[in-house]
């Protein structure tokens, strides 16, 4: 009997499957996706078997990862609800869909783990917020849940009430970071740097700056001040960012993200 099954093999399902292969044997994983060509492609690359339906995945595994987009959850759950048993651990990675909503849609007090990973999981550097009722799971199950998410980066157990905030902080925010890298590279290209070099310089700078925050534990404002010499180039650039609402725009973006999460039906 396979341990882990994926329904959905989009970007996040694929990233989690690749991560799972670092911790679990290939024969302990199966998946299904409505796109047959996609299934064949992923199977050829990873050697993981795909099955011919959502139902067959549920019947084959204990740990079921729902990696489909929120708008498809109702259809998928209608398809598999009668197959889910109390022994199953159902892992949902959909933003805005609560544990209670999932239990209601499944039709009984199923054991649900709600998680919000992000796309850096593709390179093993994801950040995942995880919420569940610890009294519903034994130690071995908690260990497996932790292994699944640590295989794609870092994870942190959070109160479910904070899951929309997790989506703001890490789930959606890689898009903003990519936009920043692209804009920074565009500026460097305008100053004469080649496109390839501009992306490398910008991306490595973001990566290194993030590592400084994580490893030094220093306040980001202090680290920013370390770069801003009196009357120097950086403080002039920071002023332009402030004049154009850089921080305000990011905060407004997170508010929009939060509101969307809270209003997903």
C-alpha atoms as a PDB file:
ATOM      1  CA  UNK A   1       0.000   0.000   0.000  1.00  0.00           C
ATOM      2  CA  UNK A   2       1.430   3.374  -1.039  1.00  0.00           C
ATOM      3  CA  UNK A   3       1.931   5.854   1.758  1.00  0.00           C
ATOM      4  CA  UNK A   4       1.384   9.133  -0.080  1.00  0.00           C
ATOM      5  CA  UNK A   5      -0.946  10.073  -2.916  1.00  0.00           C
ATOM      6  CA  UNK A   6      -1.308  13.319  -4.805  1.00  0.00           C
ATOM      7  CA  UNK A   7      -4.439  14.529  -6.540  1.00  0.00           C
ATOM      8  CA  UNK A   8      -3.319  17.297  -8.889  1.00  0.00           C
ATOM      9  CA  UNK A   9       0.099  17.699 -10.443  1.00  0.00           C
ATOM     10  CA  UNK A  10       0.408  21.414 -11.060  1.00  0.00           C
ATOM     11  CA  UNK A  11       3.392  23.452  -9.924  1.00  0.00           C
ATOM     12  CA  UNK A  12       2.861  22.864  -6.209  1.00  0.00           C
ATOM     13  CA  UNK A  13       1.855  19.226  -6.465  1.00  0.00           C
ATOM     14  CA  UNK A  14       4.909  18.593  -8.615  1.00  0.00           C
ATOM     15  CA  UNK A  15       7.193  20.438  -6.176  1.00  0.00           C
ATOM     16  CA  UNK A  16       5.854  18.435  -3.246  1.00  0.00           C
ATOM     17  CA  UNK A  17       6.180  15.162  -5.123  1.00  0.00           C
ATOM     18  CA  UNK A  18       9.806  15.954  -5.971  1.00  0.00           C
ATOM     19  CA  UNK A  19      10.416  16.790  -2.332  1.00  0.00           C
ATOM     20  CA  UNK A  20       8.724  13.609  -1.130  1.00  0.00           C
ATOM     21  CA  UNK A  21      11.165  11.594  -3.238  1.00  0.00           C
ATOM     22  CA  UNK A  22      13.984  12.903  -1.035  1.00  0.00           C
ATOM     23  CA  UNK A  23      12.393  11.247   2.002  1.00  0.00           C
ATOM     24  CA  UNK A  24      10.247   8.381   0.730  1.00  0.00           C
ATOM     25  CA  UNK A  25      10.746   5.472  -1.655  1.00  0.00           C
ATOM     26  CA  UNK A  26       9.406   5.903  -5.170  1.00  0.00           C
ATOM     27  CA  UNK A  27       7.079   2.923  -4.728  1.00  0.00           C
ATOM     28  CA  UNK A  28       5.449   4.627  -1.726  1.00  0.00           C
ATOM     29  CA  UNK A  29       4.066   7.494  -3.832  1.00  0.00           C
ATOM     30  CA  UNK A  30       1.301   7.648  -6.468  1.00  0.00           C
ATOM     31  CA  UNK A  31      -0.548  10.491  -8.155  1.00  0.00           C
ATOM     32  CA  UNK A  32      -3.370  11.421 -10.486  1.00  0.00           C
ATOM     33  CA  UNK A  33      -4.029  14.460 -12.670  1.00  0.00           C
ATOM     34  CA  UNK A  34      -6.775  15.079 -15.218  1.00  0.00           C
ATOM     35  CA  UNK A  35      -4.102  15.903 -17.815  1.00  0.00           C
ATOM     36  CA  UNK A  36      -2.881  12.534 -19.105  1.00  0.00           C
ATOM     37  CA  UNK A  37       0.095  14.039 -20.934  1.00  0.00           C
ATOM     38  CA  UNK A  38       1.155  15.748 -17.716  1.00  0.00           C
ATOM     39  CA  UNK A  39       0.920  12.471 -15.799  1.00  0.00           C
ATOM     40  CA  UNK A  40       3.065  10.668 -18.354  1.00  0.00           C
ATOM     41  CA  UNK A  41       5.628  13.467 -18.331  1.00  0.00           C
ATOM     42  CA  UNK A  42       5.945  13.501 -14.520  1.00  0.00           C
ATOM     43  CA  UNK A  43       6.005   9.716 -14.308  1.00  0.00           C
ATOM     44  CA  UNK A  44       8.721   9.436 -16.953  1.00  0.00           C
ATOM     45  CA  UNK A  45      10.831  11.986 -15.106  1.00  0.00           C
ATOM     46  CA  UNK A  46      10.324  10.750 -11.540  1.00  0.00           C
ATOM     47  CA  UNK A  47       9.494   7.040 -12.045  1.00  0.00           C
ATOM     48  CA  UNK A  48       6.476   7.551  -9.767  1.00  0.00           C
ATOM     49  CA  UNK A  49       3.395   5.595 -10.862  1.00  0.00           C
ATOM     50  CA  UNK A  50       0.224   7.415 -11.779  1.00  0.00           C
ATOM     51  CA  UNK A  51      -3.245   5.951 -11.347  1.00  0.00           C
ATOM     52  CA  UNK A  52      -6.321   6.327 -13.519  1.00  0.00           C
ATOM     53  CA  UNK A  53      -8.625   8.224 -11.162  1.00  0.00           C
ATOM     54  CA  UNK A  54      -8.928  10.267  -7.981  1.00  0.00           C
ATOM     55  CA  UNK A  55     -10.765   7.370  -6.371  1.00  0.00           C
ATOM     56  CA  UNK A  56      -7.964   4.895  -7.030  1.00  0.00           C
ATOM     57  CA  UNK A  57      -5.466   7.265  -5.422  1.00  0.00           C
ATOM     58  CA  UNK A  58      -7.577   7.497  -2.258  1.00  0.00           C
ATOM     59  CA  UNK A  59      -7.923   3.713  -2.104  1.00  0.00           C
ATOM     60  CA  UNK A  60      -4.152   3.249  -2.394  1.00  0.00           C
ATOM     61  CA  UNK A  61      -2.788   5.618   0.249  1.00  0.00           C
ATOM     62  CA  UNK A  62      -2.962   6.740   3.831  1.00  0.00           C
ATOM     63  CA  UNK A  63      -1.694  10.293   3.286  1.00  0.00           C
ATOM     64  CA  UNK A  64      -3.755  12.103   0.635  1.00  0.00           C
ATOM     65  CA  UNK A  65      -2.482  15.461  -0.644  1.00  0.00           C
ATOM     66  CA  UNK A  66      -5.098  17.592  -2.392  1.00  0.00           C
ATOM     67  CA  UNK A  67      -3.007  19.713  -4.744  1.00  0.00           C
ATOM     68  CA  UNK A  68      -5.775  21.097  -6.940  1.00  0.00           C
ATOM     69  CA  UNK A  69      -6.836  24.736  -7.216  1.00  0.00           C
ATOM     70  CA  UNK A  70      -9.581  25.923  -4.809  1.00  0.00           C
ATOM     71  CA  UNK A  71     -12.168  26.239  -7.594  1.00  0.00           C
ATOM     72  CA  UNK A  72     -11.884  22.490  -8.263  1.00  0.00           C
ATOM     73  CA  UNK A  73     -12.097  21.335  -4.640  1.00  0.00           C
ATOM     74  CA  UNK A  74     -15.852  20.805  -4.604  1.00  0.00           C
ATOM     75  CA  UNK A  75     -15.777  18.566  -7.679  1.00  0.00           C
ATOM     76  CA  UNK A  76     -12.829  16.545  -6.389  1.00  0.00           C
ATOM     77  CA  UNK A  77     -14.315  16.111  -2.929  1.00  0.00           C
ATOM     78  CA  UNK A  78     -17.653  14.976  -4.361  1.00  0.00           C
ATOM     79  CA  UNK A  79     -15.716  12.377  -6.318  1.00  0.00           C
ATOM     80  CA  UNK A  80     -13.729  10.998  -3.376  1.00  0.00           C
ATOM     81  CA  UNK A  81     -15.713  11.768  -0.206  1.00  0.00           C
ATOM     82  CA  UNK A  82     -17.209   8.283   0.029  1.00  0.00           C
ATOM     83  CA  UNK A  83     -13.746   6.712  -0.283  1.00  0.00           C
ATOM     84  CA  UNK A  84     -12.043   8.678   2.506  1.00  0.00           C
ATOM     85  CA  UNK A  85     -11.824   6.774   5.781  1.00  0.00           C
ATOM     86  CA  UNK A  86     -10.937   7.752   9.329  1.00  0.00           C
ATOM     87  CA  UNK A  87      -7.472   6.232   8.854  1.00  0.00           C
ATOM     88  CA  UNK A  88      -6.676   8.652   6.035  1.00  0.00           C
ATOM     89  CA  UNK A  89      -4.724  11.835   6.653  1.00  0.00           C
ATOM     90  CA  UNK A  90      -6.034  14.447   4.214  1.00  0.00           C
ATOM     91  CA  UNK A  91      -3.613  17.281   3.472  1.00  0.00           C
ATOM     92  CA  UNK A  92      -5.079  20.379   1.830  1.00  0.00           C
ATOM     93  CA  UNK A  93      -2.923  23.141   0.347  1.00  0.00           C
ATOM     94  CA  UNK A  94      -5.774  25.365  -0.880  1.00  0.00           C
ATOM     95  CA  UNK A  95      -5.795  28.960   0.392  1.00  0.00           C
ATOM     96  CA  UNK A  96      -8.934  30.117   2.164  1.00  0.00           C
ATOM     97  CA  UNK A  97     -10.592  26.712   2.635  1.00  0.00           C
ATOM     98  CA  UNK A  98     -10.830  25.889   6.332  1.00  0.00           C
ATOM     99  CA  UNK A  99     -10.524  22.551   8.064  1.00  0.00           C
ATOM    100  CA  UNK A 100     -14.190  22.770   9.092  1.00  0.00           C
ATOM    101  CA  UNK A 101     -15.274  23.455   5.514  1.00  0.00           C
ATOM    102  CA  UNK A 102     -13.323  20.433   4.324  1.00  0.00           C
ATOM    103  CA  UNK A 103     -14.824  18.184   6.996  1.00  0.00           C
ATOM    104  CA  UNK A 104     -18.302  19.411   6.084  1.00  0.00           C
ATOM    105  CA  UNK A 105     -17.707  18.706   2.393  1.00  0.00           C
ATOM    106  CA  UNK A 106     -16.284  15.255   3.066  1.00  0.00           C
ATOM    107  CA  UNK A 107     -19.280  14.496   5.264  1.00  0.00           C
ATOM    108  CA  UNK A 108     -17.688  13.245   8.482  1.00  0.00           C
ATOM    109  CA  UNK A 109     -15.027  14.184  11.017  1.00  0.00           C
ATOM    110  CA  UNK A 110     -12.120  13.381   8.688  1.00  0.00           C
ATOM    111  CA  UNK A 111      -8.585  14.080   9.830  1.00  0.00           C
ATOM    112  CA  UNK A 112      -7.455  17.199   7.983  1.00  0.00           C
ATOM    113  CA  UNK A 113      -4.102  18.941   7.766  1.00  0.00           C
ATOM    114  CA  UNK A 114      -4.281  22.421   6.297  1.00  0.00           C
ATOM    115  CA  UNK A 115      -1.049  23.732   4.807  1.00  0.00           C
ATOM    116  CA  UNK A 116       0.211  26.645   2.742  1.00  0.00           C
ATOM    117  CA  UNK A 117       3.505  25.903   0.957  1.00  0.00           C
ATOM    118  CA  UNK A 118       5.036  28.197  -1.660  1.00  0.00           C
ATOM    119  CA  UNK A 119       6.708  27.814  -5.039  1.00  0.00           C
ATOM    120  CA  UNK A 120      10.338  27.950  -3.781  1.00  0.00           C
ATOM    121  CA  UNK A 121       9.528  24.384  -2.755  1.00  0.00           C
ATOM    122  CA  UNK A 122      10.529  23.572  -6.344  1.00  0.00           C
ATOM    123  CA  UNK A 123      14.158  24.108  -5.324  1.00  0.00           C
ATOM    124  CA  UNK A 124      13.850  22.775  -1.780  1.00  0.00           C
ATOM    125  CA  UNK A 125      13.639  26.254  -0.228  1.00  0.00           C
ATOM    126  CA  UNK A 126       9.933  26.504   0.461  1.00  0.00           C
ATOM    127  CA  UNK A 127       8.243  27.909   3.549  1.00  0.00           C
ATOM    128  CA  UNK A 128       5.095  26.122   4.700  1.00  0.00           C
ATOM    129  CA  UNK A 129       2.611  27.033   7.386  1.00  0.00           C
ATOM    130  CA  UNK A 130       0.825  23.947   8.743  1.00  0.00           C
ATOM    131  CA  UNK A 131      -2.316  23.771  10.899  1.00  0.00           C
ATOM    132  CA  UNK A 132      -4.106  20.767  12.366  1.00  0.00           C
ATOM    133  CA  UNK A 133      -5.659  19.490  15.575  1.00  0.00           C
ATOM    134  CA  UNK A 134      -2.779  17.642  17.280  1.00  0.00           C
ATOM    135  CA  UNK A 135      -5.141  15.424  19.290  1.00  0.00           C
ATOM    136  CA  UNK A 136      -6.339  13.772  16.063  1.00  0.00           C
ATOM    137  CA  UNK A 137      -2.919  12.389  15.072  1.00  0.00           C
ATOM    138  CA  UNK A 138      -0.449  10.016  16.665  1.00  0.00           C
ATOM    139  CA  UNK A 139       3.296  10.654  16.918  1.00  0.00           C
ATOM    140  CA  UNK A 140       4.162   8.646  13.809  1.00  0.00           C
ATOM    141  CA  UNK A 141       1.598  10.533  11.730  1.00  0.00           C
ATOM    142  CA  UNK A 142       2.897  13.872  12.972  1.00  0.00           C
ATOM    143  CA  UNK A 143       6.400  12.749  12.039  1.00  0.00           C
ATOM    144  CA  UNK A 144       5.303  11.849   8.494  1.00  0.00           C
ATOM    145  CA  UNK A 145       3.489  15.166   8.090  1.00  0.00           C
ATOM    146  CA  UNK A 146       6.657  16.964   9.183  1.00  0.00           C
ATOM    147  CA  UNK A 147       8.804  14.907   6.785  1.00  0.00           C
ATOM    148  CA  UNK A 148       6.533  15.744   3.847  1.00  0.00           C
ATOM    149  CA  UNK A 149       6.902  19.478   4.348  1.00  0.00           C
ATOM    150  CA  UNK A 150      10.508  19.606   5.525  1.00  0.00           C
ATOM    151  CA  UNK A 151      11.406  17.773   2.309  1.00  0.00           C
ATOM    152  CA  UNK A 152      10.542  20.974   0.412  1.00  0.00           C
ATOM    153  CA  UNK A 153      12.098  23.505   2.780  1.00  0.00           C
ATOM    154  CA  UNK A 154      11.092  24.832   6.189  1.00  0.00           C
ATOM    155  CA  UNK A 155       7.767  24.405   7.967  1.00  0.00           C
ATOM    156  CA  UNK A 156       6.130  25.924  10.999  1.00  0.00           C
ATOM    157  CA  UNK A 157       3.027  24.828  12.889  1.00  0.00           C
ATOM    158  CA  UNK A 158       0.611  27.761  13.168  1.00  0.00           C
ATOM    159  CA  UNK A 159      -2.861  28.402  14.523  1.00  0.00           C
ATOM    160  CA  UNK A 160      -5.360  27.911  11.723  1.00  0.00           C
ATOM    161  CA  UNK A 161      -6.644  31.461  12.291  1.00  0.00           C
ATOM    162  CA  UNK A 162      -3.296  32.676  10.910  1.00  0.00           C
ATOM    163  CA  UNK A 163      -3.391  30.705   7.649  1.00  0.00           C
ATOM    164  CA  UNK A 164      -4.576  33.682   5.603  1.00  0.00           C
ATOM    165  CA  UNK A 165      -1.680  35.686   7.048  1.00  0.00           C
ATOM    166  CA  UNK A 166       0.660  32.832   6.091  1.00  0.00           C
ATOM    167  CA  UNK A 167      -0.636  33.083   2.531  1.00  0.00           C
ATOM    168  CA  UNK A 168       0.217  36.798   2.589  1.00  0.00           C
ATOM    169  CA  UNK A 169       3.670  36.348   4.125  1.00  0.00           C
ATOM    170  CA  UNK A 170       4.881  33.394   2.086  1.00  0.00           C
ATOM    171  CA  UNK A 171       2.228  31.745  -0.074  1.00  0.00           C
ATOM    172  CA  UNK A 172       1.603  34.562  -2.570  1.00  0.00           C
ATOM    173  CA  UNK A 173       4.620  36.752  -1.893  1.00  0.00           C
ATOM    174  CA  UNK A 174       7.137  34.937  -4.137  1.00  0.00           C
ATOM    175  CA  UNK A 175       5.298  36.658  -7.002  1.00  0.00           C
ATOM    176  CA  UNK A 176       6.150  40.058  -5.527  1.00  0.00           C
ATOM    177  CA  UNK A 177       9.770  39.007  -5.032  1.00  0.00           C
ATOM    178  CA  UNK A 178      10.009  37.878  -8.667  1.00  0.00           C
ATOM    179  CA  UNK A 179       8.548  41.209  -9.751  1.00  0.00           C
ATOM    180  CA  UNK A 180      11.160  43.015  -7.646  1.00  0.00           C
ATOM    181  CA  UNK A 181      13.979  40.945  -9.181  1.00  0.00           C
ATOM    182  CA  UNK A 182      12.647  41.626 -12.664  1.00  0.00           C
ATOM    183  CA  UNK A 183      12.336  45.364 -12.007  1.00  0.00           C
ATOM    184  CA  UNK A 184      15.782  45.561 -10.419  1.00  0.00           C
ATOM    185  CA  UNK A 185      17.278  43.713 -13.387  1.00  0.00           C
ATOM    186  CA  UNK A 186      15.461  46.037 -15.818  1.00  0.00           C
ATOM    187  CA  UNK A 187      17.044  48.979 -14.052  1.00  0.00           C
ATOM    188  CA  UNK A 188      20.485  47.407 -14.309  1.00  0.00           C
ATOM    189  CA  UNK A 189      19.962  46.672 -18.014  1.00  0.00           C
ATOM    190  CA  UNK A 190      19.026  50.312 -18.519  1.00  0.00           C
ATOM    191  CA  UNK A 191      22.367  51.177 -16.943  1.00  0.00           C
ATOM    192  CA  UNK A 192      24.218  48.965 -19.432  1.00  0.00           C
ATOM    193  CA  UNK A 193      24.389  45.512 -17.829  1.00  0.00           C
ATOM    194  CA  UNK A 194      23.555  42.449 -19.903  1.00  0.00           C
ATOM    195  CA  UNK A 195      20.171  40.853 -19.254  1.00  0.00           C
ATOM    196  CA  UNK A 196      21.696  37.557 -18.094  1.00  0.00           C
ATOM    197  CA  UNK A 197      24.096  39.267 -15.676  1.00  0.00           C
ATOM    198  CA  UNK A 198      21.355  41.579 -14.402  1.00  0.00           C
ATOM    199  CA  UNK A 199      19.118  38.663 -13.388  1.00  0.00           C
ATOM    200  CA  UNK A 200      22.015  36.860 -11.720  1.00  0.00           C
ATOM    201  CA  UNK A 201      23.148  39.918  -9.751  1.00  0.00           C
ATOM    202  CA  UNK A 202      19.598  40.793  -8.691  1.00  0.00           C
ATOM    203  CA  UNK A 203      18.558  37.247  -7.763  1.00  0.00           C
ATOM    204  CA  UNK A 204      21.727  36.476  -5.810  1.00  0.00           C
ATOM    205  CA  UNK A 205      21.349  39.761  -3.941  1.00  0.00           C
ATOM    206  CA  UNK A 206      17.795  38.888  -2.892  1.00  0.00           C
ATOM    207  CA  UNK A 207      18.910  35.385  -1.888  1.00  0.00           C
ATOM    208  CA  UNK A 208      21.862  36.672   0.143  1.00  0.00           C
ATOM    209  CA  UNK A 209      19.829  39.425   1.784  1.00  0.00           C
ATOM    210  CA  UNK A 210      17.168  36.940   2.861  1.00  0.00           C
ATOM    211  CA  UNK A 211      19.873  34.663   4.264  1.00  0.00           C
ATOM    212  CA  UNK A 212      21.238  37.574   6.310  1.00  0.00           C
ATOM    213  CA  UNK A 213      17.808  38.132   7.880  1.00  0.00           C
ATOM    214  CA  UNK A 214      17.435  34.450   8.735  1.00  0.00           C
ATOM    215  CA  UNK A 215      20.950  33.836  10.027  1.00  0.00           C
ATOM    216  CA  UNK A 216      21.752  37.094  11.838  1.00  0.00           C
ATOM    217  CA  UNK A 217      18.240  37.416  13.359  1.00  0.00           C
ATOM    218  CA  UNK A 218      18.776  41.171  13.061  1.00  0.00           C
ATOM    219  CA  UNK A 219      15.840  43.496  12.381  1.00  0.00           C
ATOM    220  CA  UNK A 220      15.556  44.156   8.627  1.00  0.00           C
ATOM    221  CA  UNK A 221      15.661  47.877   9.334  1.00  0.00           C
ATOM    222  CA  UNK A 222      19.062  47.507  10.997  1.00  0.00           C
ATOM    223  CA  UNK A 223      20.376  45.520   8.038  1.00  0.00           C
ATOM    224  CA  UNK A 224      19.018  48.185   5.687  1.00  0.00           C
ATOM    225  CA  UNK A 225      20.779  50.898   7.706  1.00  0.00           C
ATOM    226  CA  UNK A 226      24.075  49.005   7.324  1.00  0.00           C
ATOM    227  CA  UNK A 227      23.888  49.616   3.567  1.00  0.00           C
ATOM    228  CA  UNK A 228      22.825  53.261   3.770  1.00  0.00           C
ATOM    229  CA  UNK A 229      25.981  55.362   4.138  1.00  0.00           C
ATOM    230  CA  UNK A 230      25.476  59.052   4.966  1.00  0.00           C
ATOM    231  CA  UNK A 231      24.849  61.065   1.791  1.00  0.00           C
ATOM    232  CA  UNK A 232      25.518  57.906  -0.214  1.00  0.00           C
ATOM    233  CA  UNK A 233      23.990  56.244  -3.233  1.00  0.00           C
ATOM    234  CA  UNK A 234      21.770  53.843  -1.311  1.00  0.00           C
ATOM    235  CA  UNK A 235      19.971  56.367   0.857  1.00  0.00           C
ATOM    236  CA  UNK A 236      19.138  58.401  -2.266  1.00  0.00           C
ATOM    237  CA  UNK A 237      17.641  55.282  -3.829  1.00  0.00           C
ATOM    238  CA  UNK A 238      15.744  54.452  -0.611  1.00  0.00           C
ATOM    239  CA  UNK A 239      14.237  57.952  -0.629  1.00  0.00           C
ATOM    240  CA  UNK A 240      12.928  57.408  -4.146  1.00  0.00           C
ATOM    241  CA  UNK A 241      11.359  54.103  -3.060  1.00  0.00           C
ATOM    242  CA  UNK A 242       9.711  55.830  -0.099  1.00  0.00           C
ATOM    243  CA  UNK A 243       8.511  58.731  -2.280  1.00  0.00           C
ATOM    244  CA  UNK A 244       6.852  56.219  -4.603  1.00  0.00           C
ATOM    245  CA  UNK A 245       5.114  54.234  -1.883  1.00  0.00           C
ATOM    246  CA  UNK A 246       7.247  51.085  -2.053  1.00  0.00           C
ATOM    247  CA  UNK A 247       6.456  49.796   1.431  1.00  0.00           C
ATOM    248  CA  UNK A 248       2.870  51.019   1.290  1.00  0.00           C
ATOM    249  CA  UNK A 249       2.322  49.148  -1.979  1.00  0.00           C
ATOM    250  CA  UNK A 250       3.590  45.907  -0.457  1.00  0.00           C
ATOM    251  CA  UNK A 251       1.352  46.305   2.595  1.00  0.00           C
ATOM    252  CA  UNK A 252      -1.675  47.060   0.406  1.00  0.00           C
ATOM    253  CA  UNK A 253      -0.881  43.977  -1.684  1.00  0.00           C
ATOM    254  CA  UNK A 254      -0.848  41.796   1.436  1.00  0.00           C
ATOM    255  CA  UNK A 255      -4.167  43.299   2.529  1.00  0.00           C
ATOM    256  CA  UNK A 256      -5.704  42.434  -0.862  1.00  0.00           C
ATOM    257  CA  UNK A 257      -4.300  38.914  -0.601  1.00  0.00           C
ATOM    258  CA  UNK A 258      -5.677  38.518   2.924  1.00  0.00           C
ATOM    259  CA  UNK A 259      -9.134  39.760   1.943  1.00  0.00           C
ATOM    260  CA  UNK A 260      -9.244  37.332  -0.977  1.00  0.00           C
ATOM    261  CA  UNK A 261      -8.247  34.407   1.280  1.00  0.00           C
ATOM    262  CA  UNK A 262     -10.894  35.293   3.835  1.00  0.00           C
ATOM    263  CA  UNK A 263     -13.639  35.433   1.202  1.00  0.00           C
ATOM    264  CA  UNK A 264     -12.964  32.233  -0.749  1.00  0.00           C
ATOM    265  CA  UNK A 265     -16.077  30.073  -0.649  1.00  0.00           C
END
